[in-house]
Amino acid sequence: MLVLAVMSQLAEEQYGYSLIKLLSDQGLELDQGTLYPLLRRLETQGLLQSEWNVEGARPRRYYVLSPAGREALTILTAEWR
């Protein structure tokens, strides 16, 4: 369920804190120690893409679903239902 919840929020680029806030607003409390290893694992599996943005006050790594991630999300959503 956690993978599905995280992936469902990544149709648009998000950075870690914004993702934690989005999930929290929907009732799923998640800490950084859980989220960041999950994001790295999903990226290693080819389901996410990420890139650093250093233009703001702080450098942030933004994550978004890859094409394979979009396919996997469709499958996971169908299985969940």
PDB file of N, CA and C in Angstrom:
ATOM      1  N   MET A   1       0.816  -1.182   0.000  1.00  0.00           N
ATOM      2  CA  MET A   1       0.000   0.000   0.000  1.00  0.00           C
ATOM      3  C   MET A   1       0.869   1.259   0.000  1.00  0.00           C
ATOM      4  N   LEU A   2       1.964   1.242   0.719  1.00  0.00           N
ATOM      5  CA  LEU A   2       2.835   2.405   0.805  1.00  0.00           C
ATOM      6  C   LEU A   2       3.413   2.776  -0.562  1.00  0.00           C
ATOM      7  N   VAL A   3       3.834   1.765  -1.315  1.00  0.00           N
ATOM      8  CA  VAL A   3       4.364   2.004  -2.662  1.00  0.00           C
ATOM      9  C   VAL A   3       3.282   2.643  -3.532  1.00  0.00           C
ATOM     10  N   LEU A   4       2.087   2.114  -3.475  1.00  0.00           N
ATOM     11  CA  LEU A   4       0.967   2.655  -4.249  1.00  0.00           C
ATOM     12  C   LEU A   4       0.678   4.101  -3.849  1.00  0.00           C
ATOM     13  N   ALA A   5       0.664   4.374  -2.566  1.00  0.00           N
ATOM     14  CA  ALA A   5       0.374   5.727  -2.089  1.00  0.00           C
ATOM     15  C   ALA A   5       1.426   6.721  -2.578  1.00  0.00           C
ATOM     16  N   VAL A   6       2.684   6.357  -2.472  1.00  0.00           N
ATOM     17  CA  VAL A   6       3.763   7.247  -2.897  1.00  0.00           C
ATOM     18  C   VAL A   6       3.726   7.439  -4.407  1.00  0.00           C
ATOM     19  N   MET A   7       3.626   6.356  -5.138  1.00  0.00           N
ATOM     20  CA  MET A   7       3.635   6.465  -6.594  1.00  0.00           C
ATOM     21  C   MET A   7       2.443   7.270  -7.110  1.00  0.00           C
ATOM     22  N   SER A   8       1.309   7.168  -6.451  1.00  0.00           N
ATOM     23  CA  SER A   8       0.117   7.878  -6.905  1.00  0.00           C
ATOM     24  C   SER A   8       0.277   9.396  -6.810  1.00  0.00           C
ATOM     25  N   GLN A   9       1.218   9.854  -6.001  1.00  0.00           N
ATOM     26  CA  GLN A   9       1.443  11.293  -5.847  1.00  0.00           C
ATOM     27  C   GLN A   9       2.530  11.827  -6.776  1.00  0.00           C
ATOM     28  N   LEU A  10       3.121  10.960  -7.580  1.00  0.00           N
ATOM     29  CA  LEU A  10       4.265  11.364  -8.384  1.00  0.00           C
ATOM     30  C   LEU A  10       3.974  11.476  -9.878  1.00  0.00           C
ATOM     31  N   ALA A  11       2.721  11.717 -10.232  1.00  0.00           N
ATOM     32  CA  ALA A  11       2.413  12.002 -11.639  1.00  0.00           C
ATOM     33  C   ALA A  11       3.050  13.334 -12.022  1.00  0.00           C
ATOM     34  N   GLU A  12       3.156  14.241 -11.041  1.00  0.00           N
ATOM     35  CA  GLU A  12       3.855  15.510 -11.214  1.00  0.00           C
ATOM     36  C   GLU A  12       5.065  15.507 -10.280  1.00  0.00           C
ATOM     37  N   GLU A  13       6.082  16.248 -10.658  1.00  0.00           N
ATOM     38  CA  GLU A  13       7.310  16.280  -9.855  1.00  0.00           C
ATOM     39  C   GLU A  13       7.032  16.728  -8.422  1.00  0.00           C
ATOM     40  N   GLN A  14       7.662  16.026  -7.496  1.00  0.00           N
ATOM     41  CA  GLN A  14       7.582  16.357  -6.076  1.00  0.00           C
ATOM     42  C   GLN A  14       8.959  16.158  -5.462  1.00  0.00           C
ATOM     43  N   TYR A  15       9.267  16.928  -4.448  1.00  0.00           N
ATOM     44  CA  TYR A  15      10.463  16.659  -3.665  1.00  0.00           C
ATOM     45  C   TYR A  15      10.021  16.023  -2.358  1.00  0.00           C
ATOM     46  N   GLY A  16      10.962  15.505  -1.611  1.00  0.00           N
ATOM     47  CA  GLY A  16      10.631  14.693  -0.442  1.00  0.00           C
ATOM     48  C   GLY A  16       9.664  15.326   0.529  1.00  0.00           C
ATOM     49  N   TYR A  17       9.970  16.551   0.982  1.00  0.00           N
ATOM     50  CA  TYR A  17       9.109  17.177   1.975  1.00  0.00           C
ATOM     51  C   TYR A  17       7.708  17.425   1.415  1.00  0.00           C
ATOM     52  N   SER A  18       7.608  17.863   0.162  1.00  0.00           N
ATOM     53  CA  SER A  18       6.283  18.111  -0.413  1.00  0.00           C
ATOM     54  C   SER A  18       5.487  16.810  -0.509  1.00  0.00           C
ATOM     55  N   LEU A  19       6.167  15.713  -0.774  1.00  0.00           N
ATOM     56  CA  LEU A  19       5.512  14.407  -0.842  1.00  0.00           C
ATOM     57  C   LEU A  19       5.016  13.979   0.537  1.00  0.00           C
ATOM     58  N   ILE A  20       5.842  14.183   1.556  1.00  0.00           N
ATOM     59  CA  ILE A  20       5.429  13.865   2.931  1.00  0.00           C
ATOM     60  C   ILE A  20       4.192  14.686   3.296  1.00  0.00           C
ATOM     61  N   LYS A  21       4.194  15.963   2.934  1.00  0.00           N
ATOM     62  CA  LYS A  21       3.055  16.838   3.240  1.00  0.00           C
ATOM     63  C   LYS A  21       1.793  16.401   2.490  1.00  0.00           C
ATOM     64  N   LEU A  22       1.925  16.083   1.206  1.00  0.00           N
ATOM     65  CA  LEU A  22       0.767  15.610   0.432  1.00  0.00           C
ATOM     66  C   LEU A  22       0.148  14.367   1.061  1.00  0.00           C
ATOM     67  N   LEU A  23       0.991  13.411   1.408  1.00  0.00           N
ATOM     68  CA  LEU A  23       0.495  12.171   2.007  1.00  0.00           C
ATOM     69  C   LEU A  23      -0.124  12.425   3.376  1.00  0.00           C
ATOM     70  N   SER A  24       0.497  13.291   4.156  1.00  0.00           N
ATOM     71  CA  SER A  24      -0.032  13.631   5.478  1.00  0.00           C
ATOM     72  C   SER A  24      -1.403  14.285   5.362  1.00  0.00           C
ATOM     73  N   ASP A  25      -1.561  15.172   4.384  1.00  0.00           N
ATOM     74  CA  ASP A  25      -2.845  15.836   4.167  1.00  0.00           C
ATOM     75  C   ASP A  25      -3.947  14.836   3.813  1.00  0.00           C
ATOM     76  N   GLN A  26      -3.542  13.678   3.303  1.00  0.00           N
ATOM     77  CA  GLN A  26      -4.513  12.642   2.939  1.00  0.00           C
ATOM     78  C   GLN A  26      -4.628  11.556   4.013  1.00  0.00           C
ATOM     79  N   GLY A  27      -3.979  11.792   5.164  1.00  0.00           N
ATOM     80  CA  GLY A  27      -4.132  10.888   6.300  1.00  0.00           C
ATOM     81  C   GLY A  27      -3.069   9.812   6.432  1.00  0.00           C
ATOM     82  N   LEU A  28      -2.022   9.866   5.634  1.00  0.00           N
ATOM     83  CA  LEU A  28      -0.961   8.864   5.713  1.00  0.00           C
ATOM     84  C   LEU A  28       0.305   9.534   6.247  1.00  0.00           C
ATOM     85  N   GLU A  29       0.612   9.271   7.497  1.00  0.00           N
ATOM     86  CA  GLU A  29       1.816   9.824   8.123  1.00  0.00           C
ATOM     87  C   GLU A  29       3.014   8.971   7.744  1.00  0.00           C
ATOM     88  N   LEU A  30       4.039   9.613   7.252  1.00  0.00           N
ATOM     89  CA  LEU A  30       5.220   8.918   6.756  1.00  0.00           C
ATOM     90  C   LEU A  30       6.440   9.732   7.157  1.00  0.00           C
ATOM     91  N   ASP A  31       7.458   9.088   7.716  1.00  0.00           N
ATOM     92  CA  ASP A  31       8.640   9.855   8.087  1.00  0.00           C
ATOM     93  C   ASP A  31       9.726   9.732   7.025  1.00  0.00           C
ATOM     94  N   GLN A  32      10.700  10.615   7.110  1.00  0.00           N
ATOM     95  CA  GLN A  32      11.769  10.666   6.120  1.00  0.00           C
ATOM     96  C   GLN A  32      12.559   9.371   6.053  1.00  0.00           C
ATOM     97  N   GLY A  33      12.734   8.719   7.194  1.00  0.00           N
ATOM     98  CA  GLY A  33      13.490   7.471   7.245  1.00  0.00           C
ATOM     99  C   GLY A  33      12.823   6.336   6.492  1.00  0.00           C
ATOM    100  N   THR A  34      11.553   6.459   6.230  1.00  0.00           N
ATOM    101  CA  THR A  34      10.822   5.479   5.431  1.00  0.00           C
ATOM    102  C   THR A  34      10.747   5.923   3.976  1.00  0.00           C
ATOM    103  N   LEU A  35      10.473   7.208   3.772  1.00  0.00           N
ATOM    104  CA  LEU A  35      10.249   7.712   2.421  1.00  0.00           C
ATOM    105  C   LEU A  35      11.494   7.660   1.535  1.00  0.00           C
ATOM    106  N   TYR A  36      12.599   8.200   2.007  1.00  0.00           N
ATOM    107  CA  TYR A  36      13.761   8.314   1.126  1.00  0.00           C
ATOM    108  C   TYR A  36      14.345   6.971   0.683  1.00  0.00           C
ATOM    109  N   PRO A  37      14.445   5.973   1.562  1.00  0.00           N
ATOM    110  CA  PRO A  37      14.874   4.654   1.057  1.00  0.00           C
ATOM    111  C   PRO A  37      13.902   4.076   0.029  1.00  0.00           C
ATOM    112  N   LEU A  38      12.602   4.310   0.229  1.00  0.00           N
ATOM    113  CA  LEU A  38      11.595   3.839  -0.734  1.00  0.00           C
ATOM    114  C   LEU A  38      11.780   4.533  -2.074  1.00  0.00           C
ATOM    115  N   LEU A  39      11.985   5.845  -2.064  1.00  0.00           N
ATOM    116  CA  LEU A  39      12.195   6.585  -3.312  1.00  0.00           C
ATOM    117  C   LEU A  39      13.441   6.083  -4.039  1.00  0.00           C
ATOM    118  N   ARG A  40      14.524   5.860  -3.303  1.00  0.00           N
ATOM    119  CA  ARG A  40      15.753   5.349  -3.928  1.00  0.00           C
ATOM    120  C   ARG A  40      15.533   3.963  -4.526  1.00  0.00           C
ATOM    121  N   ARG A  41      14.813   3.112  -3.805  1.00  0.00           N
ATOM    122  CA  ARG A  41      14.537   1.767  -4.313  1.00  0.00           C
ATOM    123  C   ARG A  41      13.693   1.815  -5.586  1.00  0.00           C
ATOM    124  N   LEU A  42      12.652   2.637  -5.594  1.00  0.00           N
ATOM    125  CA  LEU A  42      11.800   2.752  -6.773  1.00  0.00           C
ATOM    126  C   LEU A  42      12.576   3.320  -7.958  1.00  0.00           C
ATOM    127  N   GLU A  43      13.491   4.238  -7.681  1.00  0.00           N
ATOM    128  CA  GLU A  43      14.312   4.777  -8.763  1.00  0.00           C
ATOM    129  C   GLU A  43      15.269   3.717  -9.303  1.00  0.00           C
ATOM    130  N   THR A  44      15.866   2.938  -8.424  1.00  0.00           N
ATOM    131  CA  THR A  44      16.758   1.851  -8.840  1.00  0.00           C
ATOM    132  C   THR A  44      16.015   0.831  -9.690  1.00  0.00           C
ATOM    133  N   GLN A  45      14.743   0.617  -9.383  1.00  0.00           N
ATOM    134  CA  GLN A  45      13.924  -0.327 -10.144  1.00  0.00           C
ATOM    135  C   GLN A  45      13.424   0.269 -11.460  1.00  0.00           C
ATOM    136  N   GLY A  46      13.719   1.539 -11.699  1.00  0.00           N
ATOM    137  CA  GLY A  46      13.317   2.173 -12.947  1.00  0.00           C
ATOM    138  C   GLY A  46      11.903   2.720 -12.948  1.00  0.00           C
ATOM    139  N   LEU A  47      11.278   2.786 -11.777  1.00  0.00           N
ATOM    140  CA  LEU A  47       9.900   3.252 -11.699  1.00  0.00           C
ATOM    141  C   LEU A  47       9.795   4.757 -11.492  1.00  0.00           C
ATOM    142  N   LEU A  48      10.883   5.374 -11.037  1.00  0.00           N
ATOM    143  CA  LEU A  48      10.935   6.816 -10.837  1.00  0.00           C
ATOM    144  C   LEU A  48      12.139   7.390 -11.550  1.00  0.00           C
ATOM    145  N   GLN A  49      12.052   8.673 -11.843  1.00  0.00           N
ATOM    146  CA  GLN A  49      13.191   9.429 -12.333  1.00  0.00           C
ATOM    147  C   GLN A  49      13.365  10.600 -11.373  1.00  0.00           C
ATOM    148  N   SER A  50      14.594  11.049 -11.200  1.00  0.00           N
ATOM    149  CA  SER A  50      14.812  12.189 -10.323  1.00  0.00           C
ATOM    150  C   SER A  50      15.874  13.098 -10.905  1.00  0.00           C
ATOM    151  N   GLU A  51      15.826  14.335 -10.446  1.00  0.00           N
ATOM    152  CA  GLU A  51      16.869  15.282 -10.825  1.00  0.00           C
ATOM    153  C   GLU A  51      16.960  16.352  -9.746  1.00  0.00           C
ATOM    154  N   TRP A  52      18.160  16.878  -9.592  1.00  0.00           N
ATOM    155  CA  TRP A  52      18.407  17.936  -8.617  1.00  0.00           C
ATOM    156  C   TRP A  52      18.029  19.276  -9.215  1.00  0.00           C
ATOM    157  N   ASN A  53      17.400  20.105  -8.402  1.00  0.00           N
ATOM    158  CA  ASN A  53      17.121  21.493  -8.773  1.00  0.00           C
ATOM    159  C   ASN A  53      17.838  22.363  -7.745  1.00  0.00           C
ATOM    160  N   VAL A  54      18.796  23.141  -8.195  1.00  0.00           N
ATOM    161  CA  VAL A  54      19.601  23.964  -7.281  1.00  0.00           C
ATOM    162  C   VAL A  54      19.287  25.454  -7.434  1.00  0.00           C
ATOM    163  N   GLU A  55      18.198  25.785  -8.090  1.00  0.00           N
ATOM    164  CA  GLU A  55      17.877  27.178  -8.354  1.00  0.00           C
ATOM    165  C   GLU A  55      17.286  27.912  -7.164  1.00  0.00           C
ATOM    166  N   GLY A  56      16.674  27.249  -6.236  1.00  0.00           N
ATOM    167  CA  GLY A  56      16.050  27.899  -5.086  1.00  0.00           C
ATOM    168  C   GLY A  56      17.052  28.115  -3.968  1.00  0.00           C
ATOM    169  N   ALA A  57      16.519  28.440  -2.802  1.00  0.00           N
ATOM    170  CA  ALA A  57      17.357  28.665  -1.631  1.00  0.00           C
ATOM    171  C   ALA A  57      18.082  27.388  -1.209  1.00  0.00           C
ATOM    172  N   ARG A  58      17.437  26.253  -1.451  1.00  0.00           N
ATOM    173  CA  ARG A  58      18.010  24.951  -1.096  1.00  0.00           C
ATOM    174  C   ARG A  58      17.992  24.035  -2.315  1.00  0.00           C
ATOM    175  N   PRO A  59      19.044  23.258  -2.477  1.00  0.00           N
ATOM    176  CA  PRO A  59      18.978  22.232  -3.535  1.00  0.00           C
ATOM    177  C   PRO A  59      17.931  21.184  -3.144  1.00  0.00           C
ATOM    178  N   ARG A  60      17.142  20.780  -4.109  1.00  0.00           N
ATOM    179  CA  ARG A  60      16.117  19.757  -3.852  1.00  0.00           C
ATOM    180  C   ARG A  60      16.147  18.737  -4.962  1.00  0.00           C
ATOM    181  N   ARG A  61      15.918  17.488  -4.571  1.00  0.00           N
ATOM    182  CA  ARG A  61      15.824  16.415  -5.551  1.00  0.00           C
ATOM    183  C   ARG A  61      14.347  16.181  -5.833  1.00  0.00           C
ATOM    184  N   TYR A  62      13.973  16.328  -7.085  1.00  0.00           N
ATOM    185  CA  TYR A  62      12.580  16.146  -7.506  1.00  0.00           C
ATOM    186  C   TYR A  62      12.415  14.770  -8.127  1.00  0.00           C
ATOM    187  N   TYR A  63      11.309  14.120  -7.771  1.00  0.00           N
ATOM    188  CA  TYR A  63      10.996  12.778  -8.255  1.00  0.00           C
ATOM    189  C   TYR A  63       9.719  12.834  -9.081  1.00  0.00           C
ATOM    190  N   VAL A  64       9.670  11.987 -10.117  1.00  0.00           N
ATOM    191  CA  VAL A  64       8.476  11.860 -10.946  1.00  0.00           C
ATOM    192  C   VAL A  64       8.438  10.423 -11.480  1.00  0.00           C
ATOM    193  N   LEU A  65       7.245   9.937 -11.782  1.00  0.00           N
ATOM    194  CA  LEU A  65       7.119   8.592 -12.350  1.00  0.00           C
ATOM    195  C   LEU A  65       7.799   8.513 -13.712  1.00  0.00           C
ATOM    196  N   SER A  66       8.472   7.427 -13.952  1.00  0.00           N
ATOM    197  CA  SER A  66       9.017   7.135 -15.278  1.00  0.00           C
ATOM    198  C   SER A  66       7.892   6.489 -16.100  1.00  0.00           C
ATOM    199  N   PRO A  67       8.097   6.306 -17.401  1.00  0.00           N
ATOM    200  CA  PRO A  67       7.080   5.576 -18.179  1.00  0.00           C
ATOM    201  C   PRO A  67       6.786   4.186 -17.593  1.00  0.00           C
ATOM    202  N   ALA A  68       7.818   3.484 -17.159  1.00  0.00           N
ATOM    203  CA  ALA A  68       7.600   2.163 -16.533  1.00  0.00           C
ATOM    204  C   ALA A  68       6.840   2.312 -15.226  1.00  0.00           C
ATOM    205  N   GLY A  69       7.097   3.399 -14.503  1.00  0.00           N
ATOM    206  CA  GLY A  69       6.386   3.659 -13.254  1.00  0.00           C
ATOM    207  C   GLY A  69       4.911   3.928 -13.474  1.00  0.00           C
ATOM    208  N   ARG A  70       4.586   4.632 -14.560  1.00  0.00           N
ATOM    209  CA  ARG A  70       3.173   4.872 -14.872  1.00  0.00           C
ATOM    210  C   ARG A  70       2.456   3.563 -15.174  1.00  0.00           C
ATOM    211  N   GLU A  71       3.122   2.676 -15.904  1.00  0.00           N
ATOM    212  CA  GLU A  71       2.528   1.356 -16.188  1.00  0.00           C
ATOM    213  C   GLU A  71       2.350   0.564 -14.896  1.00  0.00           C
ATOM    214  N   ALA A  72       3.375   0.574 -14.055  1.00  0.00           N
ATOM    215  CA  ALA A  72       3.302  -0.161 -12.793  1.00  0.00           C
ATOM    216  C   ALA A  72       2.202   0.398 -11.895  1.00  0.00           C
ATOM    217  N   LEU A  73       2.041   1.715 -11.882  1.00  0.00           N
ATOM    218  CA  LEU A  73       0.990   2.335 -11.073  1.00  0.00           C
ATOM    219  C   LEU A  73      -0.383   1.886 -11.552  1.00  0.00           C
ATOM    220  N   THR A  74      -0.586   1.801 -12.842  1.00  0.00           N
ATOM    221  CA  THR A  74      -1.866   1.328 -13.386  1.00  0.00           C
ATOM    222  C   THR A  74      -2.158  -0.088 -12.910  1.00  0.00           C
ATOM    223  N   ILE A  75      -1.145  -0.943 -12.968  1.00  0.00           N
ATOM    224  CA  ILE A  75      -1.307  -2.335 -12.543  1.00  0.00           C
ATOM    225  C   ILE A  75      -1.580  -2.414 -11.039  1.00  0.00           C
ATOM    226  N   LEU A  76      -0.795  -1.688 -10.243  1.00  0.00           N
ATOM    227  CA  LEU A  76      -0.977  -1.705  -8.785  1.00  0.00           C
ATOM    228  C   LEU A  76      -2.348  -1.184  -8.396  1.00  0.00           C
ATOM    229  N   THR A  77      -2.802  -0.143  -9.074  1.00  0.00           N
ATOM    230  CA  THR A  77      -4.123   0.419  -8.777  1.00  0.00           C
ATOM    231  C   THR A  77      -5.225  -0.595  -9.083  1.00  0.00           C
ATOM    232  N   ALA A  78      -5.105  -1.278 -10.208  1.00  0.00           N
ATOM    233  CA  ALA A  78      -6.102  -2.289 -10.568  1.00  0.00           C
ATOM    234  C   ALA A  78      -6.101  -3.434  -9.561  1.00  0.00           C
ATOM    235  N   GLU A  79      -4.921  -3.861  -9.126  1.00  0.00           N
ATOM    236  CA  GLU A  79      -4.826  -4.933  -8.136  1.00  0.00           C
ATOM    237  C   GLU A  79      -5.406  -4.506  -6.799  1.00  0.00           C
ATOM    238  N   TRP A  80      -5.189  -3.247  -6.419  1.00  0.00           N
ATOM    239  CA  TRP A  80      -5.701  -2.736  -5.148  1.00  0.00           C
ATOM    240  C   TRP A  80      -7.230  -2.734  -5.140  1.00  0.00           C
ATOM    241  N   ARG A  81      -7.796  -2.361  -6.291  1.00  0.00           N
ATOM    242  CA  ARG A  81      -9.261  -2.302  -6.373  1.00  0.00           C
ATOM    243  C   ARG A  81      -9.845  -3.689  -6.378  1.00  0.00           C
TER     244      ARG A  81
END
